[in-house]
PDB file of N, CA and C in Angstrom:
ATOM      1  N   MET A   1      -4.791   9.112   9.274  1.00  0.00           N
ATOM      2  CA  MET A   1      -3.397   8.778   9.310  1.00  0.00           C
ATOM      3  C   MET A   1      -2.850   8.736   7.886  1.00  0.00           C
ATOM      4  N   TYR A   2      -1.620   9.177   7.748  1.00  0.00           N
ATOM      5  CA  TYR A   2      -0.943   9.236   6.456  1.00  0.00           C
ATOM      6  C   TYR A   2      -0.250   7.929   6.108  1.00  0.00           C
ATOM      7  N   GLU A   3       0.011   7.697   4.852  1.00  0.00           N
ATOM      8  CA  GLU A   3       0.780   6.535   4.398  1.00  0.00           C
ATOM      9  C   GLU A   3       2.153   7.046   3.988  1.00  0.00           C
ATOM     10  N   VAL A   4       3.203   6.331   4.360  1.00  0.00           N
ATOM     11  CA  VAL A   4       4.572   6.716   4.050  1.00  0.00           C
ATOM     12  C   VAL A   4       5.077   5.853   2.897  1.00  0.00           C
ATOM     13  N   ILE A   5       5.625   6.575   1.878  1.00  0.00           N
ATOM     14  CA  ILE A   5       6.183   5.898   0.703  1.00  0.00           C
ATOM     15  C   ILE A   5       7.650   6.360   0.592  1.00  0.00           C
ATOM     16  N   LEU A   6       8.570   5.397   0.422  1.00  0.00           N
ATOM     17  CA  LEU A   6       9.984   5.715   0.207  1.00  0.00           C
ATOM     18  C   LEU A   6      10.313   5.570  -1.265  1.00  0.00           C
ATOM     19  N   ASN A   7      11.002   6.562  -1.839  1.00  0.00           N
ATOM     20  CA  ASN A   7      11.446   6.417  -3.241  1.00  0.00           C
ATOM     21  C   ASN A   7      12.670   5.514  -3.274  1.00  0.00           C
ATOM     22  N   LYS A   8      13.175   5.239  -4.462  1.00  0.00           N
ATOM     23  CA  LYS A   8      14.284   4.267  -4.625  1.00  0.00           C
ATOM     24  C   LYS A   8      15.523   4.689  -3.837  1.00  0.00           C
ATOM     25  N   ASP A   9      15.848   5.963  -3.864  1.00  0.00           N
ATOM     26  CA  ASP A   9      17.049   6.449  -3.157  1.00  0.00           C
ATOM     27  C   ASP A   9      16.938   6.245  -1.686  1.00  0.00           C
ATOM     28  N   ALA A  10      15.736   6.561  -1.152  1.00  0.00           N
ATOM     29  CA  ALA A  10      15.515   6.403   0.286  1.00  0.00           C
ATOM     30  C   ALA A  10      15.528   4.960   0.695  1.00  0.00           C
ATOM     31  N   MET A  11      14.982   4.063  -0.137  1.00  0.00           N
ATOM     32  CA  MET A  11      15.024   2.640   0.137  1.00  0.00           C
ATOM     33  C   MET A  11      16.466   2.114   0.150  1.00  0.00           C
ATOM     34  N   ARG A  12      17.268   2.561  -0.792  1.00  0.00           N
ATOM     35  CA  ARG A  12      18.650   2.177  -0.811  1.00  0.00           C
ATOM     36  C   ARG A  12      19.387   2.671   0.425  1.00  0.00           C
ATOM     37  N   ALA A  13      19.108   3.872   0.860  1.00  0.00           N
ATOM     38  CA  ALA A  13      19.738   4.395   2.061  1.00  0.00           C
ATOM     39  C   ALA A  13      19.333   3.610   3.292  1.00  0.00           C
ATOM     40  N   MET A  14      18.076   3.234   3.362  1.00  0.00           N
ATOM     41  CA  MET A  14      17.618   2.414   4.502  1.00  0.00           C
ATOM     42  C   MET A  14      18.299   1.060   4.535  1.00  0.00           C
ATOM     43  N   ASP A  15      18.464   0.446   3.364  1.00  0.00           N
ATOM     44  CA  ASP A  15      19.116  -0.843   3.271  1.00  0.00           C
ATOM     45  C   ASP A  15      20.551  -0.803   3.707  1.00  0.00           C
ATOM     46  N   LYS A  16      21.224   0.334   3.501  1.00  0.00           N
ATOM     47  CA  LYS A  16      22.636   0.466   3.876  1.00  0.00           C
ATOM     48  C   LYS A  16      22.846   0.826   5.361  1.00  0.00           C
ATOM     49  N   MET A  17      21.796   1.229   6.052  1.00  0.00           N
ATOM     50  CA  MET A  17      21.888   1.626   7.455  1.00  0.00           C
ATOM     51  C   MET A  17      22.211   0.453   8.349  1.00  0.00           C
ATOM     52  N   PRO A  18      22.927   0.699   9.459  1.00  0.00           N
ATOM     53  CA  PRO A  18      23.099  -0.350  10.468  1.00  0.00           C
ATOM     54  C   PRO A  18      21.737  -0.728  11.033  1.00  0.00           C
ATOM     55  N   PRO A  19      21.586  -1.908  11.528  1.00  0.00           N
ATOM     56  CA  PRO A  19      20.261  -2.351  12.013  1.00  0.00           C
ATOM     57  C   PRO A  19      19.635  -1.410  13.071  1.00  0.00           C
ATOM     58  N   LYS A  20      20.414  -0.963  14.037  1.00  0.00           N
ATOM     59  CA  LYS A  20      19.847  -0.090  15.058  1.00  0.00           C
ATOM     60  C   LYS A  20      19.343   1.254  14.483  1.00  0.00           C
ATOM     61  N   ALA A  21      20.108   1.804  13.581  1.00  0.00           N
ATOM     62  CA  ALA A  21      19.726   3.057  12.920  1.00  0.00           C
ATOM     63  C   ALA A  21      18.479   2.855  12.098  1.00  0.00           C
ATOM     64  N   ARG A  22      18.396   1.716  11.403  1.00  0.00           N
ATOM     65  CA  ARG A  22      17.217   1.398  10.594  1.00  0.00           C
ATOM     66  C   ARG A  22      15.968   1.265  11.506  1.00  0.00           C
ATOM     67  N   GLU A  23      16.127   0.657  12.640  1.00  0.00           N
ATOM     68  CA  GLU A  23      15.017   0.496  13.598  1.00  0.00           C
ATOM     69  C   GLU A  23      14.542   1.852  14.078  1.00  0.00           C
ATOM     70  N   ARG A  24      15.488   2.752  14.378  1.00  0.00           N
ATOM     71  CA  ARG A  24      15.116   4.116  14.813  1.00  0.00           C
ATOM     72  C   ARG A  24      14.384   4.851  13.663  1.00  0.00           C
ATOM     73  N   ALA A  25      14.855   4.641  12.444  1.00  0.00           N
ATOM     74  CA  ALA A  25      14.249   5.265  11.266  1.00  0.00           C
ATOM     75  C   ALA A  25      12.759   4.795  11.121  1.00  0.00           C
ATOM     76  N   PHE A  26      12.539   3.492  11.259  1.00  0.00           N
ATOM     77  CA  PHE A  26      11.183   2.971  11.127  1.00  0.00           C
ATOM     78  C   PHE A  26      10.294   3.551  12.219  1.00  0.00           C
ATOM     79  N   LYS A  27      10.814   3.648  13.463  1.00  0.00           N
ATOM     80  CA  LYS A  27       9.993   4.216  14.543  1.00  0.00           C
ATOM     81  C   LYS A  27       9.647   5.684  14.267  1.00  0.00           C
ATOM     82  N   LEU A  28      10.661   6.441  13.716  1.00  0.00           N
ATOM     83  CA  LEU A  28      10.385   7.807  13.368  1.00  0.00           C
ATOM     84  C   LEU A  28       9.370   7.963  12.248  1.00  0.00           C
ATOM     85  N   LEU A  29       9.442   7.077  11.309  1.00  0.00           N
ATOM     86  CA  LEU A  29       8.482   7.115  10.193  1.00  0.00           C
ATOM     87  C   LEU A  29       7.057   6.768  10.675  1.00  0.00           C
ATOM     88  N   GLU A  30       6.959   5.912  11.655  1.00  0.00           N
ATOM     89  CA  GLU A  30       5.632   5.576  12.277  1.00  0.00           C
ATOM     90  C   GLU A  30       5.040   6.808  12.943  1.00  0.00           C
ATOM     91  N   ARG A  31       5.917   7.560  13.684  1.00  0.00           N
ATOM     92  CA  ARG A  31       5.433   8.790  14.287  1.00  0.00           C
ATOM     93  C   ARG A  31       5.059   9.826  13.240  1.00  0.00           C
ATOM     94  N   LEU A  32       5.794   9.826  12.174  1.00  0.00           N
ATOM     95  CA  LEU A  32       5.537  10.804  11.061  1.00  0.00           C
ATOM     96  C   LEU A  32       4.151  10.566  10.452  1.00  0.00           C
ATOM     97  N   LYS A  33       3.692   9.313  10.432  1.00  0.00           N
ATOM     98  CA  LYS A  33       2.356   8.993   9.878  1.00  0.00           C
ATOM     99  C   LYS A  33       1.263   9.792  10.659  1.00  0.00           C
ATOM    100  N   LYS A  34       1.471   9.931  11.951  1.00  0.00           N
ATOM    101  CA  LYS A  34       0.505  10.584  12.799  1.00  0.00           C
ATOM    102  C   LYS A  34       0.635  12.121  12.850  1.00  0.00           C
ATOM    103  N   GLU A  35       1.904  12.547  12.734  1.00  0.00           N
ATOM    104  CA  GLU A  35       2.188  13.982  12.837  1.00  0.00           C
ATOM    105  C   GLU A  35       3.110  14.389  11.675  1.00  0.00           C
ATOM    106  N   PRO A  36       2.611  14.505  10.471  1.00  0.00           N
ATOM    107  CA  PRO A  36       3.501  14.742   9.307  1.00  0.00           C
ATOM    108  C   PRO A  36       4.166  16.118   9.297  1.00  0.00           C
ATOM    109  N   GLN A  37       3.603  17.079  10.037  1.00  0.00           N
ATOM    110  CA  GLN A  37       4.173  18.440  10.008  1.00  0.00           C
ATOM    111  C   GLN A  37       5.321  18.633  10.999  1.00  0.00           C
ATOM    112  N   GLN A  38       5.812  17.619  11.645  1.00  0.00           N
ATOM    113  CA  GLN A  38       6.832  17.774  12.685  1.00  0.00           C
ATOM    114  C   GLN A  38       8.222  18.163  12.153  1.00  0.00           C
ATOM    115  N   GLY A  39       8.426  18.018  10.864  1.00  0.00           N
ATOM    116  CA  GLY A  39       9.754  18.381  10.306  1.00  0.00           C
ATOM    117  C   GLY A  39       9.933  19.889  10.116  1.00  0.00           C
ATOM    118  N   LYS A  40      11.180  20.216   9.795  1.00  0.00           N
ATOM    119  CA  LYS A  40      11.525  21.644   9.552  1.00  0.00           C
ATOM    120  C   LYS A  40      11.330  21.910   8.054  1.00  0.00           C
ATOM    121  N   ARG A  41      10.653  23.025   7.746  1.00  0.00           N
ATOM    122  CA  ARG A  41      10.433  23.404   6.361  1.00  0.00           C
ATOM    123  C   ARG A  41      11.775  23.857   5.731  1.00  0.00           C
ATOM    124  N   LEU A  42      11.978  23.427   4.547  1.00  0.00           N
ATOM    125  CA  LEU A  42      13.223  23.774   3.821  1.00  0.00           C
ATOM    126  C   LEU A  42      12.963  24.965   2.900  1.00  0.00           C
ATOM    127  N   HIS A  43      14.012  25.629   2.519  1.00  0.00           N
ATOM    128  CA  HIS A  43      13.880  26.872   1.725  1.00  0.00           C
ATOM    129  C   HIS A  43      14.701  26.729   0.444  1.00  0.00           C
ATOM    130  N   GLY A  44      14.579  27.759  -0.403  1.00  0.00           N
ATOM    131  CA  GLY A  44      15.389  27.800  -1.649  1.00  0.00           C
ATOM    132  C   GLY A  44      14.954  26.752  -2.627  1.00  0.00           C
ATOM    133  N   GLU A  45      15.918  26.016  -3.156  1.00  0.00           N
ATOM    134  CA  GLU A  45      15.606  25.014  -4.176  1.00  0.00           C
ATOM    135  C   GLU A  45      14.782  23.861  -3.601  1.00  0.00           C
ATOM    136  N   LEU A  46      14.840  23.689  -2.284  1.00  0.00           N
ATOM    137  CA  LEU A  46      14.158  22.594  -1.630  1.00  0.00           C
ATOM    138  C   LEU A  46      12.811  23.041  -1.033  1.00  0.00           C
ATOM    139  N   GLU A  47      12.351  24.216  -1.415  1.00  0.00           N
ATOM    140  CA  GLU A  47      11.078  24.700  -0.861  1.00  0.00           C
ATOM    141  C   GLU A  47       9.934  23.727  -1.185  1.00  0.00           C
ATOM    142  N   GLY A  48       9.072  23.497  -0.190  1.00  0.00           N
ATOM    143  CA  GLY A  48       8.001  22.539  -0.333  1.00  0.00           C
ATOM    144  C   GLY A  48       8.326  21.215   0.313  1.00  0.00           C
ATOM    145  N   LEU A  49       9.599  21.015   0.652  1.00  0.00           N
ATOM    146  CA  LEU A  49      10.020  19.784   1.321  1.00  0.00           C
ATOM    147  C   LEU A  49      10.270  20.085   2.813  1.00  0.00           C
ATOM    148  N   LEU A  50      10.301  19.016   3.601  1.00  0.00           N
ATOM    149  CA  LEU A  50      10.571  19.137   5.032  1.00  0.00           C
ATOM    150  C   LEU A  50      11.753  18.215   5.369  1.00  0.00           C
ATOM    151  N   SER A  51      12.415  18.514   6.486  1.00  0.00           N
ATOM    152  CA  SER A  51      13.533  17.731   6.911  1.00  0.00           C
ATOM    153  C   SER A  51      13.306  17.319   8.378  1.00  0.00           C
ATOM    154  N   LEU A  52      13.653  16.088   8.645  1.00  0.00           N
ATOM    155  CA  LEU A  52      13.520  15.533  10.005  1.00  0.00           C
ATOM    156  C   LEU A  52      14.824  14.963  10.438  1.00  0.00           C
ATOM    157  N   ARG A  53      15.230  15.233  11.677  1.00  0.00           N
ATOM    158  CA  ARG A  53      16.482  14.721  12.199  1.00  0.00           C
ATOM    159  C   ARG A  53      16.349  13.229  12.588  1.00  0.00           C
ATOM    160  N   LEU A  54      17.400  12.508  12.255  1.00  0.00           N
ATOM    161  CA  LEU A  54      17.582  11.096  12.672  1.00  0.00           C
ATOM    162  C   LEU A  54      19.017  10.940  13.049  1.00  0.00           C
ATOM    163  N   GLY A  55      19.341  11.417  14.279  1.00  0.00           N
ATOM    164  CA  GLY A  55      20.726  11.402  14.684  1.00  0.00           C
ATOM    165  C   GLY A  55      21.552  12.328  13.783  1.00  0.00           C
ATOM    166  N   LEU A  56      22.598  11.790  13.198  1.00  0.00           N
ATOM    167  CA  LEU A  56      23.439  12.589  12.262  1.00  0.00           C
ATOM    168  C   LEU A  56      22.890  12.542  10.840  1.00  0.00           C
ATOM    169  N   ARG A  57      21.834  11.815  10.646  1.00  0.00           N
ATOM    170  CA  ARG A  57      21.187  11.742   9.311  1.00  0.00           C
ATOM    171  C   ARG A  57      19.967  12.651   9.267  1.00  0.00           C
ATOM    172  N   ARG A  58      19.508  12.950   8.049  1.00  0.00           N
ATOM    173  CA  ARG A  58      18.315  13.701   7.866  1.00  0.00           C
ATOM    174  C   ARG A  58      17.386  12.942   6.931  1.00  0.00           C
ATOM    175  N   ILE A  59      16.089  13.089   7.159  1.00  0.00           N
ATOM    176  CA  ILE A  59      15.109  12.496   6.274  1.00  0.00           C
ATOM    177  C   ILE A  59      14.414  13.660   5.599  1.00  0.00           C
ATOM    178  N   VAL A  60      14.469  13.700   4.264  1.00  0.00           N
ATOM    179  CA  VAL A  60      13.851  14.795   3.460  1.00  0.00           C
ATOM    180  C   VAL A  60      12.581  14.243   2.880  1.00  0.00           C
ATOM    181  N   TYR A  61      11.483  14.905   3.126  1.00  0.00           N
ATOM    182  CA  TYR A  61      10.178  14.354   2.669  1.00  0.00           C
ATOM    183  C   TYR A  61       9.224  15.448   2.239  1.00  0.00           C
ATOM    184  N   GLU A  62       8.137  14.987   1.623  1.00  0.00           N
ATOM    185  CA  GLU A  62       7.110  15.892   1.098  1.00  0.00           C
ATOM    186  C   GLU A  62       5.748  15.316   1.545  1.00  0.00           C
ATOM    187  N   ILE A  63       4.835  16.197   1.835  1.00  0.00           N
ATOM    188  CA  ILE A  63       3.499  15.822   2.268  1.00  0.00           C
ATOM    189  C   ILE A  63       2.473  16.095   1.163  1.00  0.00           C
ATOM    190  N   ASP A  64       1.701  15.089   0.828  1.00  0.00           N
ATOM    191  CA  ASP A  64       0.580  15.254  -0.090  1.00  0.00           C
ATOM    192  C   ASP A  64      -0.717  15.128   0.690  1.00  0.00           C
ATOM    193  N   ASN A  65      -1.259  16.230   1.115  1.00  0.00           N
ATOM    194  CA  ASN A  65      -2.431  16.245   1.956  1.00  0.00           C
ATOM    195  C   ASN A  65      -3.681  15.730   1.262  1.00  0.00           C
ATOM    196  N   LYS A  66      -3.775  15.896  -0.070  1.00  0.00           N
ATOM    197  CA  LYS A  66      -4.929  15.449  -0.803  1.00  0.00           C
ATOM    198  C   LYS A  66      -5.052  13.897  -0.771  1.00  0.00           C
ATOM    199  N   GLN A  67      -3.942  13.252  -0.850  1.00  0.00           N
ATOM    200  CA  GLN A  67      -3.949  11.790  -0.901  1.00  0.00           C
ATOM    201  C   GLN A  67      -3.466  11.156   0.422  1.00  0.00           C
ATOM    202  N   ASN A  68      -3.241  11.982   1.453  1.00  0.00           N
ATOM    203  CA  ASN A  68      -2.754  11.511   2.747  1.00  0.00           C
ATOM    204  C   ASN A  68      -1.469  10.669   2.599  1.00  0.00           C
ATOM    205  N   LEU A  69      -0.531  11.210   1.843  1.00  0.00           N
ATOM    206  CA  LEU A  69       0.757  10.540   1.567  1.00  0.00           C
ATOM    207  C   LEU A  69       1.872  11.361   2.087  1.00  0.00           C
ATOM    208  N   ILE A  70       2.932  10.672   2.545  1.00  0.00           N
ATOM    209  CA  ILE A  70       4.185  11.289   2.878  1.00  0.00           C
ATOM    210  C   ILE A  70       5.232  10.567   1.994  1.00  0.00           C
ATOM    211  N   VAL A  71       5.900  11.281   1.142  1.00  0.00           N
ATOM    212  CA  VAL A  71       6.895  10.734   0.209  1.00  0.00           C
ATOM    213  C   VAL A  71       8.285  11.072   0.757  1.00  0.00           C
ATOM    214  N   ILE A  72       9.022  10.008   1.068  1.00  0.00           N
ATOM    215  CA  ILE A  72      10.371  10.210   1.545  1.00  0.00           C
ATOM    216  C   ILE A  72      11.304  10.264   0.309  1.00  0.00           C
ATOM    217  N   HIS A  73      11.934  11.374   0.132  1.00  0.00           N
ATOM    218  CA  HIS A  73      12.790  11.583  -1.067  1.00  0.00           C
ATOM    219  C   HIS A  73      14.232  11.150  -0.805  1.00  0.00           C
ATOM    220  N   ALA A  74      14.721  11.366   0.398  1.00  0.00           N
ATOM    221  CA  ALA A  74      16.129  11.075   0.645  1.00  0.00           C
ATOM    222  C   ALA A  74      16.392  10.879   2.143  1.00  0.00           C
ATOM    223  N   ILE A  75      17.363  10.005   2.447  1.00  0.00           N
ATOM    224  CA  ILE A  75      17.839   9.836   3.808  1.00  0.00           C
ATOM    225  C   ILE A  75      19.348   9.809   3.725  1.00  0.00           C
ATOM    226  N   GLY A  76      19.995  10.621   4.512  1.00  0.00           N
ATOM    227  CA  GLY A  76      21.465  10.646   4.418  1.00  0.00           C
ATOM    228  C   GLY A  76      22.075  11.558   5.446  1.00  0.00           C
ATOM    229  N   PRO A  77      23.424  11.640   5.456  1.00  0.00           N
ATOM    230  CA  PRO A  77      24.165  12.492   6.360  1.00  0.00           C
ATOM    231  C   PRO A  77      23.790  13.966   6.181  1.00  0.00           C
ATOM    232  N   ARG A  78      23.722  14.681   7.271  1.00  0.00           N
ATOM    233  CA  ARG A  78      23.328  16.063   7.241  1.00  0.00           C
ATOM    234  C   ARG A  78      24.143  16.905   6.248  1.00  0.00           C
ATOM    235  N   GLY A  79      25.432  16.691   6.148  1.00  0.00           N
ATOM    236  CA  GLY A  79      26.250  17.528   5.317  1.00  0.00           C
ATOM    237  C   GLY A  79      26.024  17.297   3.830  1.00  0.00           C
ATOM    238  N   ASP A  80      25.511  16.094   3.444  1.00  0.00           N
ATOM    239  CA  ASP A  80      25.371  15.767   2.022  1.00  0.00           C
ATOM    240  C   ASP A  80      23.942  15.840   1.521  1.00  0.00           C
ATOM    241  N   ILE A  81      23.014  15.651   2.398  1.00  0.00           N
ATOM    242  CA  ILE A  81      21.600  15.452   2.004  1.00  0.00           C
ATOM    243  C   ILE A  81      21.004  16.625   1.241  1.00  0.00           C
ATOM    244  N   TYR A  82      21.391  17.838   1.561  1.00  0.00           N
ATOM    245  CA  TYR A  82      20.795  19.011   0.964  1.00  0.00           C
ATOM    246  C   TYR A  82      21.401  19.382  -0.372  1.00  0.00           C
ATOM    247  N   LYS A  83      22.464  18.694  -0.788  1.00  0.00           N
ATOM    248  CA  LYS A  83      23.162  18.977  -2.023  1.00  0.00           C
ATOM    249  C   LYS A  83      22.558  18.262  -3.216  1.00  0.00           C
ATOM    250  N   ARG A  84      21.571  17.416  -2.990  1.00  0.00           N
ATOM    251  CA  ARG A  84      21.014  16.577  -4.056  1.00  0.00           C
ATOM    252  C   ARG A  84      20.078  17.333  -4.920  1.00  0.00           C
TER     253      ARG A  84
END
């Protein structure tokens, strides 16, 4: 099983979420620990990252298979998340 780590931006985004959305995010991250490849592979400047849907939000993350880590880089609205 993988370990999930949130960077500062992702932690800030989680703190700003309404409680129900935050609860859904935590459940999704628990599933991600078991199946890290479930996200959609990103292209272009974001190549190497994956994106996972969370309602109208997206979770952008990276998998480190050598260390069994999933690093969450960003959580945010679909329209804005890919511009970072």
